[in-house]
Amino acid sequence: MELFRNIRLNIGRSILSKRLASLKRTLNYSSFSIVKTIGIVWDATKTEDYTILSRFSQKMHERDIEVELFAYFPVKTIPDKFTAVKNLTILKRDNLNFFYMPVSNDAEIFINKVFDVLIDINFNQLFQLNCITSLSKSAFKVGLSDTKAPGSPFDLILGMNPTVDLNEYLVQVLLYLEMIKNGKPLTAK
């Protein structure tokens, strides 16, 4: 069974690589002071992390920054406390194709939205969330380094332990984003 799953994942990775080869995205970041939108890709395996994300969202809201969460729940039934959250989009197992790639309209909408900053909170390196982050058209992507992955979708890579506390991770992300003060936007194609 594990062999069959690995074959499906490898085919999914190949499909993702082909999509990424034709993807055009513009890197654009100059200062955190002009950020208006943040997208967060979240592995919701640890549902208790939502409290930290909620506080982070509130803190950003106080700075007039809109935050949208895109979460993957590996279970069939979504906990009730998440069903009515307006800034949370949920990806479930039945929103994945045979090769574990997201196929929902919500996933496409999130991918195509150009957030000023995309923060990846996918510490377990779930393939379905890697797809969302990699395909995202966001202007600037932040995430943890992954020495196993060939190539990274991130523009800012933090070299932290994947078992890092989520609150500490978000503090570090903000610290580094606020350090970057460039007179003109960082740009690349």
N, C-alpha and C. Protein backbone atom coordinates (compact mmCIF):
# COMPACT_ATOMS: atom_id res chain seq x y z
N MET A 1 0.82 -1.19 0.00
CA MET A 1 0.00 0.00 0.00
C MET A 1 0.87 1.26 0.00
N GLU A 2 1.95 1.25 0.79
CA GLU A 2 2.85 2.40 0.85
C GLU A 2 3.55 2.61 -0.49
N LEU A 3 3.91 1.54 -1.16
CA LEU A 3 4.56 1.63 -2.47
C LEU A 3 3.62 2.31 -3.47
N PHE A 4 2.36 1.91 -3.46
CA PHE A 4 1.37 2.48 -4.37
C PHE A 4 1.19 3.98 -4.08
N ARG A 5 1.16 4.35 -2.81
CA ARG A 5 1.04 5.75 -2.41
C ARG A 5 2.25 6.55 -2.90
N ASN A 6 3.45 5.99 -2.75
CA ASN A 6 4.67 6.66 -3.20
C ASN A 6 4.70 6.84 -4.72
N ILE A 7 4.20 5.87 -5.45
CA ILE A 7 4.13 5.99 -6.91
C ILE A 7 3.19 7.14 -7.28
N ARG A 8 2.03 7.20 -6.63
CA ARG A 8 1.08 8.29 -6.90
C ARG A 8 1.70 9.64 -6.55
N LEU A 9 2.42 9.72 -5.42
CA LEU A 9 3.07 10.97 -5.03
C LEU A 9 4.15 11.38 -6.03
N ASN A 10 4.93 10.43 -6.50
CA ASN A 10 5.98 10.74 -7.47
C ASN A 10 5.39 11.25 -8.78
N ILE A 11 4.28 10.67 -9.20
CA ILE A 11 3.61 11.16 -10.41
C ILE A 11 3.08 12.57 -10.16
N GLY A 12 2.52 12.80 -8.96
CA GLY A 12 2.05 14.14 -8.60
C GLY A 12 3.18 15.15 -8.62
N ARG A 13 4.33 14.78 -8.10
CA ARG A 13 5.50 15.68 -8.11
C ARG A 13 5.94 15.99 -9.54
N SER A 14 5.88 15.01 -10.40
CA SER A 14 6.23 15.21 -11.81
C SER A 14 5.25 16.18 -12.48
N ILE A 15 3.98 16.01 -12.21
CA ILE A 15 2.96 16.91 -12.76
C ILE A 15 3.19 18.33 -12.24
N LEU A 16 3.48 18.45 -10.96
CA LEU A 16 3.75 19.77 -10.38
C LEU A 16 4.97 20.41 -11.03
N SER A 17 6.03 19.64 -11.23
CA SER A 17 7.24 20.18 -11.87
C SER A 17 6.94 20.72 -13.26
N LYS A 18 6.12 20.01 -14.02
CA LYS A 18 5.76 20.47 -15.36
C LYS A 18 4.95 21.76 -15.29
N ARG A 19 4.04 21.85 -14.33
CA ARG A 19 3.25 23.08 -14.19
C ARG A 19 4.15 24.25 -13.79
N LEU A 20 5.11 23.98 -12.90
CA LEU A 20 6.00 25.04 -12.43
C LEU A 20 6.92 25.54 -13.55
N ALA A 21 7.27 24.66 -14.46
CA ALA A 21 8.16 25.04 -15.56
C ALA A 21 7.53 26.12 -16.44
N SER A 22 6.21 26.12 -16.54
CA SER A 22 5.54 27.11 -17.37
C SER A 22 4.98 28.29 -16.56
N LEU A 23 5.22 28.29 -15.27
CA LEU A 23 4.67 29.32 -14.40
C LEU A 23 5.53 30.58 -14.44
N LYS A 24 4.88 31.71 -14.57
CA LYS A 24 5.56 33.01 -14.53
C LYS A 24 5.06 33.74 -13.28
N ARG A 25 6.00 34.11 -12.42
CA ARG A 25 5.66 34.83 -11.20
C ARG A 25 6.67 35.94 -11.01
N THR A 26 6.20 37.09 -10.57
CA THR A 26 7.09 38.22 -10.36
C THR A 26 7.33 38.40 -8.87
N LEU A 27 8.59 38.35 -8.46
CA LEU A 27 8.99 38.64 -7.09
C LEU A 27 8.89 40.14 -6.90
N ASN A 28 8.21 40.56 -5.83
CA ASN A 28 8.03 41.98 -5.61
C ASN A 28 7.87 42.24 -4.12
N TYR A 29 8.91 42.82 -3.51
CA TYR A 29 8.86 43.15 -2.09
C TYR A 29 9.86 44.26 -1.82
N SER A 30 9.41 45.29 -1.08
CA SER A 30 10.34 46.36 -0.73
C SER A 30 10.36 46.66 0.76
N SER A 31 9.21 46.57 1.41
CA SER A 31 9.15 46.89 2.83
C SER A 31 7.86 46.35 3.43
N PHE A 32 7.94 45.91 4.66
CA PHE A 32 6.75 45.39 5.31
C PHE A 32 5.72 46.49 5.55
N SER A 33 6.16 47.73 5.58
CA SER A 33 5.24 48.85 5.83
C SER A 33 4.20 49.02 4.73
N ILE A 34 4.45 48.49 3.54
CA ILE A 34 3.47 48.62 2.47
C ILE A 34 2.67 47.34 2.21
N VAL A 35 2.89 46.32 3.02
CA VAL A 35 2.15 45.06 2.89
C VAL A 35 0.69 45.29 3.28
N LYS A 36 -0.23 44.84 2.42
CA LYS A 36 -1.67 44.96 2.68
C LYS A 36 -2.36 43.60 2.78
N THR A 37 -1.74 42.56 2.21
CA THR A 37 -2.35 41.23 2.25
C THR A 37 -1.30 40.17 2.57
N ILE A 38 -1.70 39.23 3.42
CA ILE A 38 -0.86 38.08 3.75
C ILE A 38 -1.69 36.82 3.56
N GLY A 39 -1.16 35.87 2.83
CA GLY A 39 -1.76 34.56 2.71
C GLY A 39 -0.95 33.58 3.56
N ILE A 40 -1.64 32.69 4.24
CA ILE A 40 -0.95 31.69 5.07
C ILE A 40 -1.41 30.30 4.63
N VAL A 41 -0.45 29.46 4.29
CA VAL A 41 -0.71 28.07 3.95
C VAL A 41 -0.38 27.27 5.20
N TRP A 42 -1.39 26.57 5.75
CA TRP A 42 -1.26 25.96 7.08
C TRP A 42 -1.60 24.48 7.07
N ASP A 43 -0.70 23.68 7.61
CA ASP A 43 -0.96 22.27 7.87
C ASP A 43 -1.73 22.22 9.19
N ALA A 44 -3.02 21.98 9.11
CA ALA A 44 -3.89 22.05 10.28
C ALA A 44 -3.93 20.74 11.07
N THR A 45 -2.90 19.93 10.94
CA THR A 45 -2.83 18.69 11.71
C THR A 45 -2.92 18.99 13.20
N LYS A 46 -2.24 20.06 13.63
CA LYS A 46 -2.31 20.49 15.03
C LYS A 46 -3.33 21.63 15.11
N THR A 47 -4.59 21.26 15.33
CA THR A 47 -5.66 22.26 15.33
C THR A 47 -5.50 23.31 16.43
N GLU A 48 -4.75 22.96 17.48
CA GLU A 48 -4.55 23.93 18.57
C GLU A 48 -3.72 25.13 18.12
N ASP A 49 -3.02 25.01 17.00
CA ASP A 49 -2.24 26.14 16.46
C ASP A 49 -3.14 27.25 15.96
N TYR A 50 -4.42 26.96 15.76
CA TYR A 50 -5.31 28.00 15.25
C TYR A 50 -5.38 29.20 16.19
N THR A 51 -5.27 28.98 17.47
CA THR A 51 -5.29 30.08 18.44
C THR A 51 -4.14 31.05 18.16
N ILE A 52 -2.97 30.52 17.88
CA ILE A 52 -1.81 31.36 17.57
C ILE A 52 -2.04 32.10 16.26
N LEU A 53 -2.58 31.41 15.27
CA LEU A 53 -2.85 32.05 13.98
C LEU A 53 -3.93 33.11 14.10
N SER A 54 -4.89 32.87 14.94
CA SER A 54 -5.95 33.85 15.16
C SER A 54 -5.38 35.12 15.79
N ARG A 55 -4.50 34.97 16.77
CA ARG A 55 -3.85 36.14 17.39
C ARG A 55 -2.99 36.88 16.38
N PHE A 56 -2.26 36.12 15.54
CA PHE A 56 -1.44 36.72 14.50
C PHE A 56 -2.32 37.52 13.53
N SER A 57 -3.43 36.93 13.12
CA SER A 57 -4.36 37.61 12.21
C SER A 57 -4.88 38.90 12.82
N GLN A 58 -5.21 38.84 14.11
CA GLN A 58 -5.71 40.03 14.80
C GLN A 58 -4.62 41.11 14.86
N LYS A 59 -3.41 40.70 15.15
CA LYS A 59 -2.28 41.64 15.20
C LYS A 59 -2.07 42.30 13.84
N MET A 60 -2.19 41.53 12.77
CA MET A 60 -2.03 42.08 11.42
C MET A 60 -3.21 42.99 11.07
N HIS A 61 -4.40 42.60 11.50
CA HIS A 61 -5.60 43.42 11.26
C HIS A 61 -5.44 44.81 11.89
N GLU A 62 -4.82 44.85 13.06
CA GLU A 62 -4.56 46.13 13.73
C GLU A 62 -3.60 46.99 12.92
N ARG A 63 -2.82 46.36 12.06
CA ARG A 63 -1.89 47.10 11.19
C ARG A 63 -2.48 47.29 9.79
N ASP A 64 -3.79 47.06 9.66
CA ASP A 64 -4.51 47.18 8.38
C ASP A 64 -4.01 46.21 7.32
N ILE A 65 -3.66 45.02 7.75
CA ILE A 65 -3.22 43.97 6.84
C ILE A 65 -4.26 42.85 6.87
N GLU A 66 -4.76 42.50 5.70
CA GLU A 66 -5.74 41.43 5.57
C GLU A 66 -5.01 40.09 5.53
N VAL A 67 -5.47 39.13 6.33
CA VAL A 67 -4.85 37.80 6.38
C VAL A 67 -5.88 36.75 5.95
N GLU A 68 -5.45 35.88 5.04
CA GLU A 68 -6.28 34.75 4.62
C GLU A 68 -5.51 33.47 4.90
N LEU A 69 -6.22 32.51 5.50
CA LEU A 69 -5.62 31.20 5.81
C LEU A 69 -6.13 30.16 4.83
N PHE A 70 -5.23 29.31 4.37
CA PHE A 70 -5.60 28.16 3.56
C PHE A 70 -5.07 26.94 4.29
N ALA A 71 -5.96 26.09 4.77
CA ALA A 71 -5.55 24.98 5.63
C ALA A 71 -5.92 23.63 5.02
N TYR A 72 -5.07 22.66 5.27
CA TYR A 72 -5.37 21.28 4.92
C TYR A 72 -5.68 20.50 6.19
N PHE A 73 -6.88 19.91 6.21
CA PHE A 73 -7.28 19.03 7.31
C PHE A 73 -7.25 17.61 6.80
N PRO A 74 -6.43 16.74 7.41
CA PRO A 74 -6.30 15.37 6.92
C PRO A 74 -7.46 14.46 7.33
N VAL A 75 -8.42 14.98 8.05
CA VAL A 75 -9.55 14.17 8.52
C VAL A 75 -10.78 14.44 7.66
N LYS A 76 -11.73 13.53 7.69
CA LYS A 76 -12.94 13.69 6.88
C LYS A 76 -13.87 14.77 7.44
N THR A 77 -13.96 14.83 8.76
CA THR A 77 -14.87 15.79 9.39
C THR A 77 -14.08 16.96 9.95
N ILE A 78 -14.46 18.14 9.52
CA ILE A 78 -13.80 19.36 9.97
C ILE A 78 -14.36 19.74 11.33
N PRO A 79 -13.50 20.08 12.28
CA PRO A 79 -14.00 20.52 13.59
C PRO A 79 -14.93 21.72 13.44
N ASP A 80 -16.01 21.72 14.22
CA ASP A 80 -17.03 22.76 14.12
C ASP A 80 -16.48 24.16 14.28
N LYS A 81 -15.47 24.33 15.11
CA LYS A 81 -14.96 25.68 15.36
C LYS A 81 -14.34 26.32 14.11
N PHE A 82 -14.08 25.52 13.06
CA PHE A 82 -13.46 26.06 11.85
C PHE A 82 -14.46 26.28 10.71
N THR A 83 -15.67 25.79 10.84
CA THR A 83 -16.60 25.85 9.71
C THR A 83 -17.13 27.25 9.43
N ALA A 84 -17.13 28.14 10.39
CA ALA A 84 -17.69 29.47 10.19
C ALA A 84 -16.64 30.58 10.21
N VAL A 85 -15.38 30.24 10.14
CA VAL A 85 -14.32 31.25 10.16
C VAL A 85 -14.21 31.84 8.76
N LYS A 86 -14.42 33.17 8.65
CA LYS A 86 -14.51 33.78 7.32
C LYS A 86 -13.19 33.88 6.57
N ASN A 87 -12.07 33.99 7.26
CA ASN A 87 -10.79 34.14 6.54
C ASN A 87 -10.05 32.81 6.40
N LEU A 88 -10.76 31.69 6.57
CA LEU A 88 -10.15 30.36 6.50
C LEU A 88 -10.78 29.56 5.37
N THR A 89 -9.94 29.09 4.46
CA THR A 89 -10.38 28.20 3.40
C THR A 89 -9.81 26.83 3.73
N ILE A 90 -10.64 25.80 3.58
CA ILE A 90 -10.25 24.46 4.00
C ILE A 90 -10.14 23.52 2.81
N LEU A 91 -9.04 22.82 2.76
CA LEU A 91 -8.81 21.76 1.78
C LEU A 91 -8.93 20.43 2.52
N LYS A 92 -9.76 19.54 1.97
CA LYS A 92 -9.96 18.22 2.58
C LYS A 92 -9.45 17.15 1.62
N ARG A 93 -9.39 15.94 2.12
CA ARG A 93 -8.91 14.83 1.29
C ARG A 93 -9.71 14.67 0.01
N ASP A 94 -11.02 14.89 0.08
CA ASP A 94 -11.82 14.71 -1.14
C ASP A 94 -11.69 15.88 -2.10
N ASN A 95 -10.85 16.87 -1.76
CA ASN A 95 -10.52 17.97 -2.69
C ASN A 95 -9.19 17.72 -3.40
N LEU A 96 -8.69 16.49 -3.30
CA LEU A 96 -7.42 16.12 -3.93
C LEU A 96 -7.70 15.12 -5.05
N ASN A 97 -6.88 15.18 -6.11
CA ASN A 97 -7.04 14.19 -7.17
C ASN A 97 -6.28 12.91 -6.79
N PHE A 98 -6.23 11.99 -7.71
CA PHE A 98 -5.60 10.69 -7.48
C PHE A 98 -4.12 10.82 -7.13
N PHE A 99 -3.49 11.92 -7.58
CA PHE A 99 -2.07 12.13 -7.35
C PHE A 99 -1.82 13.13 -6.23
N TYR A 100 -2.80 13.32 -5.36
CA TYR A 100 -2.72 14.16 -4.16
C TYR A 100 -2.59 15.66 -4.46
N MET A 101 -2.97 16.07 -5.66
CA MET A 101 -2.91 17.49 -6.00
C MET A 101 -4.27 18.14 -5.74
N PRO A 102 -4.29 19.35 -5.19
CA PRO A 102 -5.55 20.05 -4.93
C PRO A 102 -6.30 20.34 -6.23
N VAL A 103 -7.60 20.08 -6.23
CA VAL A 103 -8.41 20.31 -7.43
C VAL A 103 -9.67 21.11 -7.14
N SER A 104 -9.75 21.75 -6.00
CA SER A 104 -10.96 22.51 -5.67
C SER A 104 -10.90 23.92 -6.24
N ASN A 105 -12.06 24.52 -6.43
CA ASN A 105 -12.13 25.92 -6.89
C ASN A 105 -11.48 26.84 -5.86
N ASP A 106 -11.68 26.54 -4.58
CA ASP A 106 -11.08 27.35 -3.52
C ASP A 106 -9.56 27.35 -3.62
N ALA A 107 -8.99 26.20 -3.95
CA ALA A 107 -7.53 26.10 -4.10
C ALA A 107 -7.06 26.97 -5.26
N GLU A 108 -7.77 26.92 -6.38
CA GLU A 108 -7.39 27.74 -7.54
C GLU A 108 -7.51 29.23 -7.23
N ILE A 109 -8.55 29.61 -6.52
CA ILE A 109 -8.72 31.02 -6.15
C ILE A 109 -7.56 31.48 -5.28
N PHE A 110 -7.20 30.66 -4.29
CA PHE A 110 -6.10 31.01 -3.39
C PHE A 110 -4.78 31.08 -4.16
N ILE A 111 -4.53 30.13 -5.02
CA ILE A 111 -3.30 30.11 -5.82
C ILE A 111 -3.19 31.35 -6.70
N ASN A 112 -4.28 31.77 -7.28
CA ASN A 112 -4.26 32.90 -8.22
C ASN A 112 -4.31 34.26 -7.56
N LYS A 113 -4.57 34.31 -6.26
CA LYS A 113 -4.58 35.60 -5.58
C LYS A 113 -3.13 36.02 -5.34
N VAL A 114 -2.83 37.26 -5.67
CA VAL A 114 -1.47 37.77 -5.51
C VAL A 114 -1.37 38.46 -4.15
N PHE A 115 -1.02 37.67 -3.13
CA PHE A 115 -0.79 38.22 -1.80
C PHE A 115 0.53 38.98 -1.81
N ASP A 116 0.63 40.01 -1.00
CA ASP A 116 1.91 40.72 -0.87
C ASP A 116 2.95 39.78 -0.26
N VAL A 117 2.52 38.97 0.71
CA VAL A 117 3.40 38.00 1.36
C VAL A 117 2.62 36.70 1.55
N LEU A 118 3.26 35.58 1.25
CA LEU A 118 2.69 34.26 1.53
C LEU A 118 3.59 33.60 2.57
N ILE A 119 3.00 33.17 3.68
CA ILE A 119 3.75 32.50 4.74
C ILE A 119 3.36 31.03 4.73
N ASP A 120 4.34 30.18 4.57
CA ASP A 120 4.12 28.74 4.53
C ASP A 120 4.31 28.16 5.93
N ILE A 121 3.25 27.54 6.45
CA ILE A 121 3.32 26.85 7.75
C ILE A 121 2.99 25.38 7.48
N ASN A 122 3.86 24.77 6.74
CA ASN A 122 3.72 23.38 6.32
C ASN A 122 4.95 22.63 6.80
N PHE A 123 5.11 22.58 8.11
CA PHE A 123 6.32 22.02 8.70
C PHE A 123 6.51 20.54 8.41
N ASN A 124 5.42 19.82 8.11
CA ASN A 124 5.51 18.39 7.79
C ASN A 124 5.71 18.15 6.30
N GLN A 125 5.84 19.21 5.52
CA GLN A 125 6.07 19.14 4.08
C GLN A 125 5.02 18.29 3.36
N LEU A 126 3.76 18.53 3.66
CA LEU A 126 2.67 17.82 2.97
C LEU A 126 2.66 18.24 1.50
N PHE A 127 2.61 17.27 0.63
CA PHE A 127 2.68 17.54 -0.81
C PHE A 127 1.56 18.45 -1.27
N GLN A 128 0.34 18.21 -0.80
CA GLN A 128 -0.80 18.99 -1.25
C GLN A 128 -0.64 20.48 -0.91
N LEU A 129 -0.01 20.78 0.22
CA LEU A 129 0.24 22.17 0.58
C LEU A 129 1.46 22.72 -0.17
N ASN A 130 2.45 21.86 -0.44
CA ASN A 130 3.58 22.28 -1.28
C ASN A 130 3.09 22.73 -2.65
N CYS A 131 2.06 22.05 -3.16
CA CYS A 131 1.48 22.44 -4.45
C CYS A 131 0.92 23.85 -4.37
N ILE A 132 0.16 24.12 -3.32
CA ILE A 132 -0.46 25.45 -3.16
C ILE A 132 0.62 26.52 -3.08
N THR A 133 1.61 26.31 -2.22
CA THR A 133 2.68 27.30 -2.06
C THR A 133 3.48 27.48 -3.35
N SER A 134 3.85 26.38 -3.98
CA SER A 134 4.67 26.45 -5.19
C SER A 134 3.95 27.14 -6.34
N LEU A 135 2.66 26.87 -6.50
CA LEU A 135 1.90 27.43 -7.61
C LEU A 135 1.37 28.83 -7.33
N SER A 136 1.41 29.26 -6.08
CA SER A 136 0.88 30.57 -5.72
C SER A 136 1.55 31.69 -6.51
N LYS A 137 0.74 32.66 -6.88
CA LYS A 137 1.24 33.82 -7.63
C LYS A 137 1.60 34.97 -6.69
N SER A 138 1.70 34.68 -5.42
CA SER A 138 2.02 35.71 -4.43
C SER A 138 3.33 36.40 -4.76
N ALA A 139 3.44 37.67 -4.33
CA ALA A 139 4.59 38.49 -4.67
C ALA A 139 5.85 38.09 -3.91
N PHE A 140 5.71 37.53 -2.69
CA PHE A 140 6.87 37.20 -1.87
C PHE A 140 6.49 36.01 -0.98
N LYS A 141 7.28 34.95 -1.01
CA LYS A 141 6.96 33.72 -0.27
C LYS A 141 8.01 33.47 0.81
N VAL A 142 7.53 33.10 2.00
CA VAL A 142 8.39 32.85 3.15
C VAL A 142 8.13 31.44 3.66
N GLY A 143 9.20 30.70 3.99
CA GLY A 143 9.03 29.37 4.54
C GLY A 143 10.31 28.84 5.13
N LEU A 144 10.21 27.64 5.71
CA LEU A 144 11.37 26.96 6.29
C LEU A 144 12.19 26.31 5.20
N SER A 145 13.48 26.22 5.44
CA SER A 145 14.33 25.50 4.48
C SER A 145 14.04 24.02 4.60
N ASP A 146 14.11 23.36 3.46
CA ASP A 146 13.92 21.91 3.43
C ASP A 146 15.07 21.33 2.62
N THR A 147 15.98 20.69 3.31
CA THR A 147 17.18 20.18 2.64
C THR A 147 16.85 18.98 1.75
N LYS A 148 15.69 18.37 1.92
CA LYS A 148 15.32 17.21 1.11
C LYS A 148 14.71 17.60 -0.22
N ALA A 149 14.08 18.77 -0.28
CA ALA A 149 13.38 19.18 -1.49
C ALA A 149 14.35 19.73 -2.53
N PRO A 150 14.17 19.33 -3.78
CA PRO A 150 15.02 19.86 -4.85
C PRO A 150 14.47 21.20 -5.33
N GLY A 151 14.98 22.28 -4.84
CA GLY A 151 14.45 23.59 -5.22
C GLY A 151 13.42 24.04 -4.21
N SER A 152 13.33 25.32 -4.06
CA SER A 152 12.42 25.87 -3.07
C SER A 152 11.55 26.93 -3.71
N PRO A 153 10.28 26.99 -3.32
CA PRO A 153 9.41 28.04 -3.85
C PRO A 153 9.56 29.37 -3.10
N PHE A 154 10.44 29.41 -2.09
CA PHE A 154 10.50 30.56 -1.20
C PHE A 154 11.49 31.63 -1.65
N ASP A 155 11.11 32.86 -1.38
CA ASP A 155 11.98 34.01 -1.63
C ASP A 155 12.78 34.35 -0.38
N LEU A 156 12.22 34.03 0.78
CA LEU A 156 12.90 34.20 2.07
C LEU A 156 12.81 32.85 2.78
N ILE A 157 13.96 32.26 3.05
CA ILE A 157 14.01 30.93 3.67
C ILE A 157 14.59 31.07 5.07
N LEU A 158 13.83 30.58 6.05
CA LEU A 158 14.30 30.60 7.43
C LEU A 158 14.90 29.24 7.75
N GLY A 159 16.09 29.25 8.29
CA GLY A 159 16.78 28.02 8.65
C GLY A 159 16.49 27.64 10.09
N MET A 160 15.24 27.28 10.35
CA MET A 160 14.83 26.89 11.70
C MET A 160 14.50 25.41 11.72
N ASN A 161 14.47 24.84 12.91
CA ASN A 161 14.08 23.45 13.10
C ASN A 161 12.60 23.30 12.77
N PRO A 162 12.20 22.28 11.99
CA PRO A 162 10.78 22.09 11.66
C PRO A 162 9.90 21.82 12.88
N THR A 163 10.50 21.50 14.02
CA THR A 163 9.70 21.30 15.23
C THR A 163 9.57 22.60 16.02
N VAL A 164 9.91 23.71 15.38
CA VAL A 164 9.85 25.01 16.03
C VAL A 164 8.42 25.32 16.47
N ASP A 165 8.32 26.07 17.53
CA ASP A 165 7.03 26.55 18.02
C ASP A 165 6.47 27.53 16.99
N LEU A 166 5.19 27.40 16.66
CA LEU A 166 4.57 28.23 15.65
C LEU A 166 4.65 29.71 16.00
N ASN A 167 4.43 30.04 17.26
CA ASN A 167 4.51 31.44 17.67
C ASN A 167 5.91 32.00 17.41
N GLU A 168 6.94 31.24 17.76
CA GLU A 168 8.32 31.68 17.53
C GLU A 168 8.60 31.83 16.02
N TYR A 169 8.09 30.91 15.24
CA TYR A 169 8.25 30.99 13.79
C TYR A 169 7.66 32.29 13.25
N LEU A 170 6.43 32.62 13.66
CA LEU A 170 5.78 33.84 13.18
C LEU A 170 6.52 35.09 13.65
N VAL A 171 7.05 35.06 14.86
CA VAL A 171 7.85 36.18 15.36
C VAL A 171 9.07 36.36 14.46
N GLN A 172 9.75 35.27 14.12
CA GLN A 172 10.94 35.34 13.27
C GLN A 172 10.59 35.81 11.85
N VAL A 173 9.47 35.34 11.32
CA VAL A 173 9.03 35.77 9.99
C VAL A 173 8.85 37.28 9.98
N LEU A 174 8.12 37.80 10.96
CA LEU A 174 7.90 39.25 11.03
C LEU A 174 9.21 40.02 11.21
N LEU A 175 10.08 39.50 12.06
CA LEU A 175 11.37 40.14 12.30
C LEU A 175 12.14 40.31 10.99
N TYR A 176 12.23 39.25 10.20
CA TYR A 176 12.98 39.32 8.96
C TYR A 176 12.27 40.16 7.90
N LEU A 177 10.95 40.06 7.84
CA LEU A 177 10.22 40.89 6.88
C LEU A 177 10.38 42.37 7.19
N GLU A 178 10.40 42.70 8.47
CA GLU A 178 10.56 44.10 8.86
C GLU A 178 12.00 44.59 8.67
N MET A 179 12.97 43.68 8.66
CA MET A 179 14.37 44.05 8.42
C MET A 179 14.60 44.50 6.98
N ILE A 180 13.85 43.90 6.06
CA ILE A 180 14.05 44.23 4.65
C ILE A 180 13.44 45.60 4.38
N LYS A 181 14.29 46.54 4.10
CA LYS A 181 13.86 47.88 3.74
C LYS A 181 14.67 48.28 2.53
N ASN A 182 14.04 48.14 1.41
CA ASN A 182 14.70 48.39 0.15
C ASN A 182 14.03 49.59 -0.53
N GLY A 183 14.79 50.52 -1.00
CA GLY A 183 14.23 51.70 -1.66
C GLY A 183 13.38 51.35 -2.86
N LYS A 184 13.77 50.32 -3.56
CA LYS A 184 12.98 49.86 -4.68
C LYS A 184 12.66 48.38 -4.46
N PRO A 185 11.57 47.91 -5.03
CA PRO A 185 11.18 46.50 -4.80
C PRO A 185 12.24 45.51 -5.26
N LEU A 186 12.38 44.44 -4.47
CA LEU A 186 13.18 43.30 -4.94
C LEU A 186 12.40 42.70 -6.09
N THR A 187 13.00 42.57 -7.22
CA THR A 187 12.26 42.02 -8.35
C THR A 187 13.09 40.98 -9.06
N ALA A 188 12.40 40.02 -9.59
CA ALA A 188 13.01 38.97 -10.41
C ALA A 188 11.89 38.30 -11.16
N LYS A 189 12.23 37.61 -12.18
CA LYS A 189 11.21 36.88 -12.96
C LYS A 189 11.51 35.42 -12.89
